[in-house]
Amino acid sequence: MSIKDGIIKVYHNKAIRAIVSPFYFIYQFLLKQFYQHTPDSKYIMNQKNKFNGQTCFIIGNGPSLTSKDLDRLKNKISFASNRIYNIFAYTEWRPSFYISTDLAHIIKEIDKIKQLKDCIKFINYRFKYYGRKCLDDIVYIFVYGRVQSNRFKLKEKKLSMDVSKYVTRVCTVTATAIEIAIYMGFKSIYLLGVDNDYARKVDRNGNIYIDKSIKSSYFKGMRDANGNLGDGDSVQNVESMNRSYELCKEFAEKNGVKIYNATRGGKLEVFERVDFDSLFSKEEQLLSGGN
């Protein structure tokens, strides 16, 4: 077992999490106070309502996502996450903002993340020790939430009103992207490639279920001849993910923001469905706002 794999295994161990939780609560509280005085926090503060009234797209890594759909977003403001760069060889599209908060992903992929060009990268502040240069375009975000020994139970009740202080600990990076987009002032948010259906699922008790008939929504870059995403092997907690999306919907409605699901198929039904192709046939009507 590598050192990286060892770190990840310890991070997921329920017994260890229970033991360190009281100490971790104090640690993260003090770290949150310190973070608010960092250049990263000040940068994010300057992004508040910068895109007021505009439209953005948030891209998921589901199997429904195709390079052809992304090509249509070349001139649109968009957020993407995790291994999205594995599709770059198939499209000229590039995200405006990139987000990664997951321990396992950042540890294994930090070198690839640093190589991303022409986008602002929001990375979990706790992994700042990997180092940063000005050319990396990395902005560290502080992920904060309730201390819990069982990482599969989402206990958050609301999202952060001020992401320059912290973003809420949720169960999907897509929800983090929504939280940041709302803070930036976007009033119409379209989700694409957020299939929310997985071959490997875990429930709140940590039990894993496998359904090989389902094409995984998480990908490692394998694609077929049509540029469609291939299967991945990650395990996802759909129950807590859905609760994260419900928090996003509640928060958006309170802030006058509309979130639409433009994903082709999938099982995310929290947000109002729209047809992706229709957005472009009525572009002046639906995608106004300087995009």
Protein backbone atom coordinates (compact mmCIF):
# COMPACT_ATOMS: atom_id res chain seq x y z
CA MET A 1 0.00 0.00 0.00
CA SER A 2 1.33 3.43 -0.96
CA ILE A 3 1.50 6.35 1.48
CA LYS A 4 -1.28 8.10 -0.45
CA ASP A 5 -3.54 5.05 -0.24
CA GLY A 6 -2.76 4.78 3.47
CA ILE A 7 -3.81 8.39 4.08
CA ILE A 8 -7.09 7.83 2.26
CA LYS A 9 -7.81 4.61 4.20
CA VAL A 10 -7.28 6.38 7.54
CA TYR A 11 -9.49 9.27 6.41
CA HIS A 12 -12.40 6.91 5.75
CA ASN A 13 -12.02 4.84 8.94
CA LYS A 14 -15.09 5.39 11.13
CA ALA A 15 -13.39 4.50 14.43
CA ILE A 16 -10.49 6.86 13.84
CA ARG A 17 -12.86 9.64 12.83
CA ALA A 18 -14.83 9.17 16.06
CA ILE A 19 -11.66 9.44 18.16
CA VAL A 20 -10.28 12.55 16.48
CA SER A 21 -13.62 14.36 16.03
CA PRO A 22 -13.45 16.45 19.28
CA PHE A 23 -9.93 17.61 18.46
CA TYR A 24 -10.80 18.18 14.84
CA PHE A 25 -13.71 20.44 15.80
CA ILE A 26 -11.35 22.80 17.62
CA TYR A 27 -8.79 22.59 14.84
CA GLN A 28 -11.21 23.44 12.03
CA PHE A 29 -12.83 26.26 14.03
CA LEU A 30 -9.45 27.94 14.57
CA LEU A 31 -8.42 27.27 10.98
CA LYS A 32 -11.63 28.91 9.74
CA GLN A 33 -10.84 32.05 11.70
CA PHE A 34 -7.34 32.14 10.25
CA TYR A 35 -8.55 31.49 6.70
CA GLN A 36 -10.67 34.64 6.69
CA HIS A 37 -7.47 36.71 6.73
CA THR A 38 -5.77 34.93 3.83
CA PRO A 39 -5.32 36.21 0.25
CA ASP A 40 -7.58 33.38 -0.91
CA SER A 41 -10.48 34.62 1.22
CA LYS A 42 -9.95 38.19 0.05
CA TYR A 43 -9.88 37.07 -3.59
CA ILE A 44 -13.19 35.26 -3.21
CA MET A 45 -14.68 38.26 -1.42
CA ASN A 46 -13.94 40.32 -4.52
CA GLN A 47 -15.89 37.82 -6.63
CA LYS A 48 -19.18 38.44 -4.80
CA ASN A 49 -21.88 39.37 -7.35
CA LYS A 50 -19.22 39.84 -10.02
CA PHE A 51 -21.52 38.05 -12.49
CA ASN A 52 -24.76 39.48 -11.16
CA GLY A 53 -27.77 38.44 -13.23
CA GLN A 54 -25.78 36.28 -15.64
CA THR A 55 -26.10 32.63 -16.67
CA CYS A 56 -23.62 29.79 -16.15
CA PHE A 57 -23.35 26.07 -16.77
CA ILE A 58 -22.17 23.54 -14.20
CA ILE A 59 -20.77 20.41 -15.78
CA GLY A 60 -21.02 16.97 -14.21
CA ASN A 61 -18.93 13.98 -15.26
CA GLY A 62 -21.82 11.65 -16.00
CA PRO A 63 -21.90 9.23 -18.95
CA SER A 64 -24.50 11.38 -20.72
CA LEU A 65 -21.95 14.17 -21.18
CA THR A 66 -20.54 14.37 -24.71
CA SER A 67 -17.81 16.43 -26.29
CA LYS A 68 -20.31 17.73 -28.86
CA ASP A 69 -22.45 19.25 -26.12
CA LEU A 70 -19.40 20.86 -24.56
CA ASP A 71 -18.38 22.36 -27.91
CA ARG A 72 -21.59 24.40 -27.78
CA LEU A 73 -20.48 25.94 -24.49
CA LYS A 74 -17.15 27.32 -25.71
CA ASN A 75 -18.24 30.91 -25.18
CA LYS A 76 -20.30 30.32 -22.05
CA ILE A 77 -19.23 30.68 -18.43
CA SER A 78 -18.95 27.22 -16.93
CA PHE A 79 -17.82 25.30 -13.86
CA ALA A 80 -16.33 21.80 -13.97
CA SER A 81 -14.65 19.45 -11.52
CA ASN A 82 -12.45 16.47 -10.75
CA ARG A 83 -11.31 14.49 -13.83
CA ILE A 84 -13.06 16.69 -16.39
CA TYR A 85 -9.69 17.25 -18.05
CA ASN A 86 -9.87 13.71 -19.42
CA ILE A 87 -12.34 14.97 -22.01
CA PHE A 88 -10.18 17.86 -23.19
CA ALA A 89 -8.68 15.84 -26.06
CA TYR A 90 -12.17 15.61 -27.58
CA THR A 91 -13.34 19.22 -27.33
CA GLU A 92 -12.14 22.80 -27.68
CA TRP A 93 -14.30 23.76 -24.70
CA ARG A 94 -12.58 24.61 -21.43
CA PRO A 95 -14.23 25.52 -18.12
CA SER A 96 -14.04 29.03 -16.72
CA PHE A 97 -13.77 27.63 -13.19
CA TYR A 98 -12.50 24.28 -11.93
CA ILE A 99 -13.33 22.84 -8.49
CA SER A 100 -11.97 19.91 -6.49
CA THR A 101 -12.56 19.30 -2.79
CA ASP A 102 -12.15 15.52 -2.48
CA LEU A 103 -9.12 14.23 -0.57
CA ALA A 104 -8.54 11.14 -2.70
CA HIS A 105 -8.79 13.02 -5.98
CA ILE A 106 -6.53 15.90 -5.01
CA ILE A 107 -3.81 13.64 -3.59
CA LYS A 108 -3.70 11.50 -6.71
CA GLU A 109 -4.23 14.19 -9.34
CA ILE A 110 -2.64 17.38 -7.99
CA ASP A 111 -0.01 17.52 -10.74
CA LYS A 112 -2.69 17.37 -13.45
CA ILE A 113 -4.74 19.99 -11.63
CA LYS A 114 -1.81 22.38 -11.52
CA GLN A 115 -1.34 21.99 -15.28
CA LEU A 116 -4.86 23.22 -16.10
CA LYS A 117 -4.72 26.48 -18.04
CA ASP A 118 -7.04 29.41 -18.65
CA CYS A 119 -9.32 28.79 -15.68
CA ILE A 120 -9.52 29.66 -12.01
CA LYS A 121 -9.09 26.58 -9.83
CA PHE A 122 -10.88 26.33 -6.50
CA ILE A 123 -9.15 23.70 -4.35
CA ASN A 124 -9.80 22.53 -0.79
CA TYR A 125 -7.70 24.71 1.56
CA ARG A 126 -6.64 21.72 3.63
CA PHE A 127 -4.42 20.55 0.78
CA LYS A 128 -2.49 23.77 0.45
CA TYR A 129 0.64 21.99 1.66
CA TYR A 130 1.07 20.61 -1.85
CA GLY A 131 2.38 24.04 -2.73
CA ARG A 132 1.24 26.73 -5.11
CA LYS A 133 2.88 29.06 -7.59
CA CYS A 134 1.29 32.18 -9.04
CA LEU A 135 1.00 30.52 -12.42
CA ASP A 136 -1.09 27.71 -10.95
CA ASP A 137 -4.15 30.02 -10.74
CA ILE A 138 -5.25 28.13 -7.62
CA VAL A 139 -7.62 29.74 -5.12
CA TYR A 140 -8.05 27.75 -1.92
CA ILE A 141 -11.58 27.44 -0.52
CA PHE A 142 -12.27 26.51 3.08
CA VAL A 143 -14.63 23.54 3.42
CA TYR A 144 -16.41 23.67 6.76
CA GLY A 145 -19.16 21.60 8.33
CA ARG A 146 -20.28 19.59 11.28
CA VAL A 147 -17.84 17.09 12.73
CA GLN A 148 -19.11 13.56 12.19
CA SER A 149 -17.66 10.09 12.68
CA ASN A 150 -19.87 8.64 9.95
CA ARG A 151 -18.91 10.45 6.78
CA PHE A 152 -21.89 8.94 4.93
CA LYS A 153 -24.47 10.96 6.89
CA LEU A 154 -24.96 14.52 5.71
CA LYS A 155 -25.79 16.69 8.72
CA GLU A 156 -25.68 20.13 7.16
CA LYS A 157 -28.93 22.12 7.21
CA LYS A 158 -28.03 25.09 5.04
CA LEU A 159 -25.39 26.44 2.67
CA SER A 160 -22.91 29.21 3.39
CA MET A 161 -24.04 32.79 2.89
CA ASP A 162 -20.42 33.88 2.46
CA VAL A 163 -18.06 31.50 0.65
CA SER A 164 -15.15 33.89 1.28
CA LYS A 165 -15.38 32.51 4.85
CA TYR A 166 -16.22 28.90 4.01
CA VAL A 167 -18.13 26.61 1.68
CA THR A 168 -20.42 24.03 3.23
CA ARG A 169 -19.35 20.42 3.52
CA VAL A 170 -21.70 18.62 1.12
CA CYS A 171 -21.64 15.21 -0.56
CA THR A 172 -21.06 16.28 -4.15
CA VAL A 173 -18.72 18.82 -5.69
CA THR A 174 -21.56 19.88 -8.00
CA ALA A 175 -23.33 21.33 -4.95
CA THR A 176 -20.14 23.22 -4.05
CA ALA A 177 -20.05 24.68 -7.56
CA ILE A 178 -23.68 25.78 -7.18
CA GLU A 179 -22.88 27.43 -3.85
CA ILE A 180 -19.97 29.38 -5.36
CA ALA A 181 -21.95 30.32 -8.48
CA ILE A 182 -24.77 31.79 -6.39
CA TYR A 183 -22.24 33.82 -4.38
CA MET A 184 -20.83 35.17 -7.64
CA GLY A 185 -24.26 36.47 -8.60
CA PHE A 186 -25.38 34.05 -11.31
CA LYS A 187 -29.18 33.99 -11.48
CA SER A 188 -29.67 31.14 -13.96
CA ILE A 189 -27.69 27.93 -13.49
CA TYR A 190 -27.89 25.00 -15.90
CA LEU A 191 -26.61 21.55 -14.95
CA LEU A 192 -25.26 19.30 -17.69
CA GLY A 193 -23.93 15.76 -17.35
CA VAL A 194 -25.22 15.41 -13.78
CA ASP A 195 -26.67 11.91 -14.19
CA ASN A 196 -26.79 11.14 -10.45
CA ASP A 197 -26.91 7.39 -11.07
CA TYR A 198 -24.11 5.03 -10.14
CA ALA A 199 -23.19 1.38 -10.51
CA ARG A 200 -21.63 1.40 -7.04
CA LYS A 201 -23.62 3.02 -4.23
CA VAL A 202 -23.17 3.26 -0.48
CA ASP A 203 -25.92 3.90 2.07
CA ARG A 204 -25.71 5.92 5.29
CA ASN A 205 -24.53 2.81 7.18
CA GLY A 206 -21.59 2.28 4.85
CA ASN A 207 -23.08 -0.70 3.02
CA ILE A 208 -22.02 -0.89 -0.63
CA TYR A 209 -24.38 -2.02 -3.39
CA ILE A 210 -23.28 -2.88 -6.93
CA ASP A 211 -25.51 -2.89 -10.00
CA LYS A 212 -23.47 -3.71 -13.09
CA SER A 213 -26.41 -2.84 -15.35
CA ILE A 214 -25.89 0.85 -14.54
CA LYS A 215 -23.33 2.85 -16.41
CA SER A 216 -21.39 4.77 -13.81
CA SER A 217 -21.71 8.54 -13.66
CA TYR A 218 -18.10 8.96 -12.60
CA PHE A 219 -15.46 8.54 -15.26
CA LYS A 220 -11.75 8.00 -15.57
CA GLY A 221 -11.39 9.27 -19.11
CA MET A 222 -12.31 6.14 -21.06
CA ARG A 223 -14.48 7.05 -24.04
CA ASP A 224 -16.12 5.24 -26.92
CA ALA A 225 -15.96 6.08 -30.63
CA ASN A 226 -18.66 8.73 -30.20
CA GLY A 227 -16.84 10.54 -27.43
CA ASN A 228 -19.21 9.31 -24.70
CA LEU A 229 -17.89 8.82 -21.20
CA GLY A 230 -17.05 5.30 -20.11
CA ASP A 231 -17.60 3.49 -16.82
CA GLY A 232 -15.83 4.43 -13.60
CA ASP A 233 -15.49 2.60 -10.30
CA SER A 234 -16.19 5.19 -7.60
CA VAL A 235 -18.69 4.53 -4.82
CA GLN A 236 -21.27 7.26 -4.26
CA ASN A 237 -23.77 8.04 -1.51
CA VAL A 238 -26.78 9.03 -3.61
CA GLU A 239 -29.03 9.59 -0.60
CA SER A 240 -26.75 12.26 0.86
CA MET A 241 -26.05 13.68 -2.59
CA ASN A 242 -29.76 14.22 -3.16
CA ARG A 243 -30.01 15.97 0.19
CA SER A 244 -27.13 18.20 -0.90
CA TYR A 245 -29.05 19.12 -4.05
CA GLU A 246 -32.17 19.83 -1.98
CA LEU A 247 -30.12 22.24 0.14
CA CYS A 248 -28.97 23.93 -3.07
CA LYS A 249 -32.52 24.29 -4.34
CA GLU A 250 -33.73 25.77 -1.04
CA PHE A 251 -30.80 28.18 -0.94
CA ALA A 252 -31.25 29.19 -4.58
CA GLU A 253 -34.95 29.94 -4.15
CA LYS A 254 -34.22 32.17 -1.16
CA ASN A 255 -31.71 34.11 -3.26
CA GLY A 256 -33.81 34.48 -6.41
CA VAL A 257 -31.74 31.97 -8.40
CA LYS A 258 -33.14 29.38 -10.82
CA ILE A 259 -31.38 26.05 -11.23
CA TYR A 260 -32.29 23.90 -14.23
CA ASN A 261 -31.26 20.36 -15.03
CA ALA A 262 -30.29 20.19 -18.72
CA THR A 263 -28.75 16.72 -18.36
CA ARG A 264 -29.70 14.22 -21.03
CA GLY A 265 -31.49 11.60 -18.95
CA GLY A 266 -30.07 10.56 -15.60
CA LYS A 267 -31.90 10.40 -12.28
CA LEU A 268 -31.56 13.86 -10.79
CA GLU A 269 -35.11 15.11 -10.32
CA VAL A 270 -34.58 17.77 -7.63
CA PHE A 271 -34.39 20.59 -10.20
CA GLU A 272 -36.70 21.56 -13.04
CA ARG A 273 -35.85 19.74 -16.26
CA VAL A 274 -35.07 21.60 -19.49
CA ASP A 275 -34.03 20.31 -22.89
CA PHE A 276 -30.38 21.17 -23.55
CA ASP A 277 -30.88 21.63 -27.30
CA SER A 278 -33.76 24.05 -26.76
CA LEU A 279 -31.44 26.42 -24.90
CA PHE A 280 -29.70 27.18 -28.14
CA SER A 281 -32.75 27.41 -30.35
CA LYS A 282 -33.96 30.15 -27.97
CA GLU A 283 -30.53 31.46 -27.08
CA GLU A 284 -31.36 35.15 -26.97
CA GLN A 285 -34.32 34.47 -24.69
CA LEU A 286 -32.83 31.94 -22.26
CA LEU A 287 -29.12 32.71 -22.19
CA SER A 288 -29.12 36.47 -21.99
CA GLY A 289 -26.98 38.32 -19.51
CA GLY A 290 -23.72 38.98 -21.28
CA ASN A 291 -22.79 35.33 -21.88
